[in-house]
Amino acid sequence: MNNKLRETKLREEREIEVILQKLTALVGEQAELLLYDIDILAQLDFMFAKARLAREMKATMPRMNDRGFIKLRKGRHPLISIDQVVPIDVELGNQFSTIIVTWSKHWREDGYVEDDRLAQSDGYVRIVRSC
């Protein structure tokens, strides 16, 4: 009785192994398509993550032009809470061709803010302050 049970278990394990090998071969035949699908899903996930962050930040995608005009309305630092930042409007290229940014060393809880600059990242224009 014990030998028969062991033999049955061994046959079952061999059959499971054969089935898994066949399934693995079938999946392997589709490897290129599966990798392509994974890449597409990763790109979609990244796009949705950027959209979610933009919505949370109340960011907008800039309208691009070929005349060299830049107009930021209510530009603000993306990492500082909305309640703590005063948004500013900046316009270059139409009536103004130069902008002069001045600063003093602002003391904040996390240290000195020494540098103000405009930055563009992933298509979103925002005001960046580096410490």
Protein backbone atom coordinates (compact mmCIF):
# COMPACT_ATOMS: atom_id res chain seq x y z
CA MET A 1 0.00 0.00 0.00
CA ASN A 2 2.77 2.51 0.90
CA ASN A 3 4.77 1.60 -2.23
CA LYS A 4 1.71 2.10 -4.42
CA LEU A 5 1.08 5.50 -2.80
CA ARG A 6 4.72 6.55 -3.34
CA GLU A 7 4.64 5.42 -6.97
CA THR A 8 1.43 7.36 -7.54
CA LYS A 9 2.96 10.49 -5.96
CA LEU A 10 6.09 10.11 -8.14
CA ARG A 11 3.98 9.76 -11.29
CA GLU A 12 1.97 12.80 -10.27
CA GLU A 13 5.16 14.84 -9.72
CA ARG A 14 6.56 13.75 -13.11
CA GLU A 15 3.28 14.65 -14.80
CA ILE A 16 3.29 18.07 -13.11
CA GLU A 17 6.87 18.60 -14.29
CA VAL A 18 5.95 17.67 -17.88
CA ILE A 19 2.96 20.04 -17.82
CA LEU A 20 5.10 22.87 -16.41
CA GLN A 21 7.78 22.29 -19.08
CA LYS A 22 5.16 22.47 -21.83
CA LEU A 23 3.65 25.65 -20.37
CA THR A 24 7.11 27.18 -20.02
CA ALA A 25 7.86 26.41 -23.66
CA LEU A 26 4.57 28.03 -24.74
CA VAL A 27 5.34 31.14 -22.71
CA GLY A 28 8.91 31.18 -24.08
CA GLU A 29 7.54 31.28 -27.62
CA GLN A 30 5.74 34.51 -26.72
CA ALA A 31 8.65 36.06 -24.78
CA GLU A 32 9.28 38.87 -27.25
CA LEU A 33 5.63 39.94 -27.26
CA LEU A 34 5.42 39.68 -23.48
CA LEU A 35 8.51 41.89 -23.06
CA TYR A 36 6.95 44.41 -25.46
CA ASP A 37 3.73 44.37 -23.41
CA ILE A 38 5.69 44.90 -20.19
CA ASP A 39 7.43 47.90 -21.75
CA ILE A 40 4.10 49.40 -22.86
CA LEU A 41 2.61 48.86 -19.39
CA ALA A 42 5.63 50.51 -17.77
CA GLN A 43 5.26 53.54 -20.06
CA LEU A 44 1.55 53.79 -19.30
CA ASP A 45 2.21 53.51 -15.57
CA PHE A 46 4.78 56.31 -15.81
CA MET A 47 2.38 58.55 -17.77
CA PHE A 48 -0.44 58.00 -15.28
CA ALA A 49 1.93 58.67 -12.37
CA LYS A 50 3.01 61.99 -13.96
CA ALA A 51 -0.62 62.91 -14.59
CA ARG A 52 -1.57 62.08 -11.01
CA LEU A 53 1.31 64.18 -9.66
CA ALA A 54 0.45 67.07 -12.00
CA ARG A 55 -3.16 66.99 -10.82
CA GLU A 56 -2.11 66.93 -7.16
CA MET A 57 0.28 69.85 -7.78
CA LYS A 58 -2.33 71.68 -9.88
CA ALA A 59 0.34 71.88 -12.59
CA THR A 60 -0.42 72.61 -16.23
CA MET A 61 1.31 71.60 -19.43
CA PRO A 62 2.84 74.64 -21.11
CA ARG A 63 1.70 75.62 -24.57
CA MET A 64 4.78 75.68 -26.75
CA ASN A 65 5.38 78.30 -29.42
CA ASP A 66 8.01 78.94 -32.05
CA ARG A 67 8.40 82.65 -31.23
CA GLY A 68 10.44 82.18 -28.05
CA PHE A 69 7.75 83.46 -25.68
CA ILE A 70 7.55 82.15 -22.14
CA LYS A 71 4.60 83.04 -19.93
CA LEU A 72 4.18 81.46 -16.52
CA ARG A 73 0.99 82.20 -14.66
CA LYS A 74 0.90 81.54 -10.96
CA GLY A 75 4.27 79.74 -11.08
CA ARG A 76 5.30 78.25 -7.76
CA HIS A 77 7.73 75.83 -6.19
CA PRO A 78 6.45 72.28 -6.71
CA LEU A 79 7.79 70.87 -3.45
CA ILE A 80 6.56 73.52 -1.04
CA SER A 81 2.96 73.41 0.15
CA ILE A 82 0.53 75.60 -1.81
CA ASP A 83 -0.39 77.48 1.39
CA GLN A 84 3.25 78.51 1.98
CA VAL A 85 4.13 79.79 -1.51
CA VAL A 86 3.07 83.00 -3.18
CA PRO A 87 2.63 82.24 -6.90
CA ILE A 88 4.21 84.63 -9.40
CA ASP A 89 3.58 85.53 -13.04
CA VAL A 90 6.64 85.62 -15.33
CA GLU A 91 6.68 86.67 -18.99
CA LEU A 92 9.60 86.72 -21.41
CA GLY A 93 9.88 87.22 -25.16
CA ASN A 94 6.98 89.54 -25.89
CA GLN A 95 7.46 92.87 -24.13
CA PHE A 96 10.40 91.63 -22.05
CA SER A 97 13.54 90.00 -23.41
CA THR A 98 15.49 89.83 -20.16
CA ILE A 99 14.67 88.87 -16.64
CA ILE A 100 16.79 89.73 -13.63
CA VAL A 101 16.30 87.47 -10.65
CA THR A 102 17.57 88.80 -7.37
CA TRP A 103 17.58 87.06 -4.07
CA SER A 104 18.76 87.25 -0.56
CA LYS A 105 19.62 84.32 1.59
CA HIS A 106 16.23 83.32 2.91
CA TRP A 107 16.28 81.41 6.16
CA ARG A 108 13.89 78.50 6.38
CA GLU A 109 13.63 75.62 8.76
CA ASP A 110 15.55 73.39 6.32
CA GLY A 111 18.36 75.91 5.67
CA TYR A 112 19.31 78.69 3.28
CA VAL A 113 17.70 79.18 -0.10
CA GLU A 114 20.44 80.63 -2.30
CA ASP A 115 19.46 80.09 -5.92
CA ASP A 116 16.30 80.84 -7.91
CA ARG A 117 15.94 79.65 -11.48
CA LEU A 118 13.40 78.54 -14.04
CA ALA A 119 13.49 74.85 -14.86
CA GLN A 120 11.71 72.62 -17.31
CA SER A 121 11.33 68.93 -16.59
CA ASP A 122 9.20 66.32 -18.34
CA GLY A 123 7.31 69.05 -20.20
CA TYR A 124 6.12 70.81 -17.03
CA VAL A 125 7.53 74.26 -16.38
CA ARG A 126 7.95 75.21 -12.77
CA ILE A 127 9.89 77.55 -10.53
CA VAL A 128 12.69 75.75 -8.69
CA ARG A 129 14.54 76.91 -5.62
CA SER A 130 17.64 75.00 -4.67
CA CYS A 131 19.23 74.99 -1.25
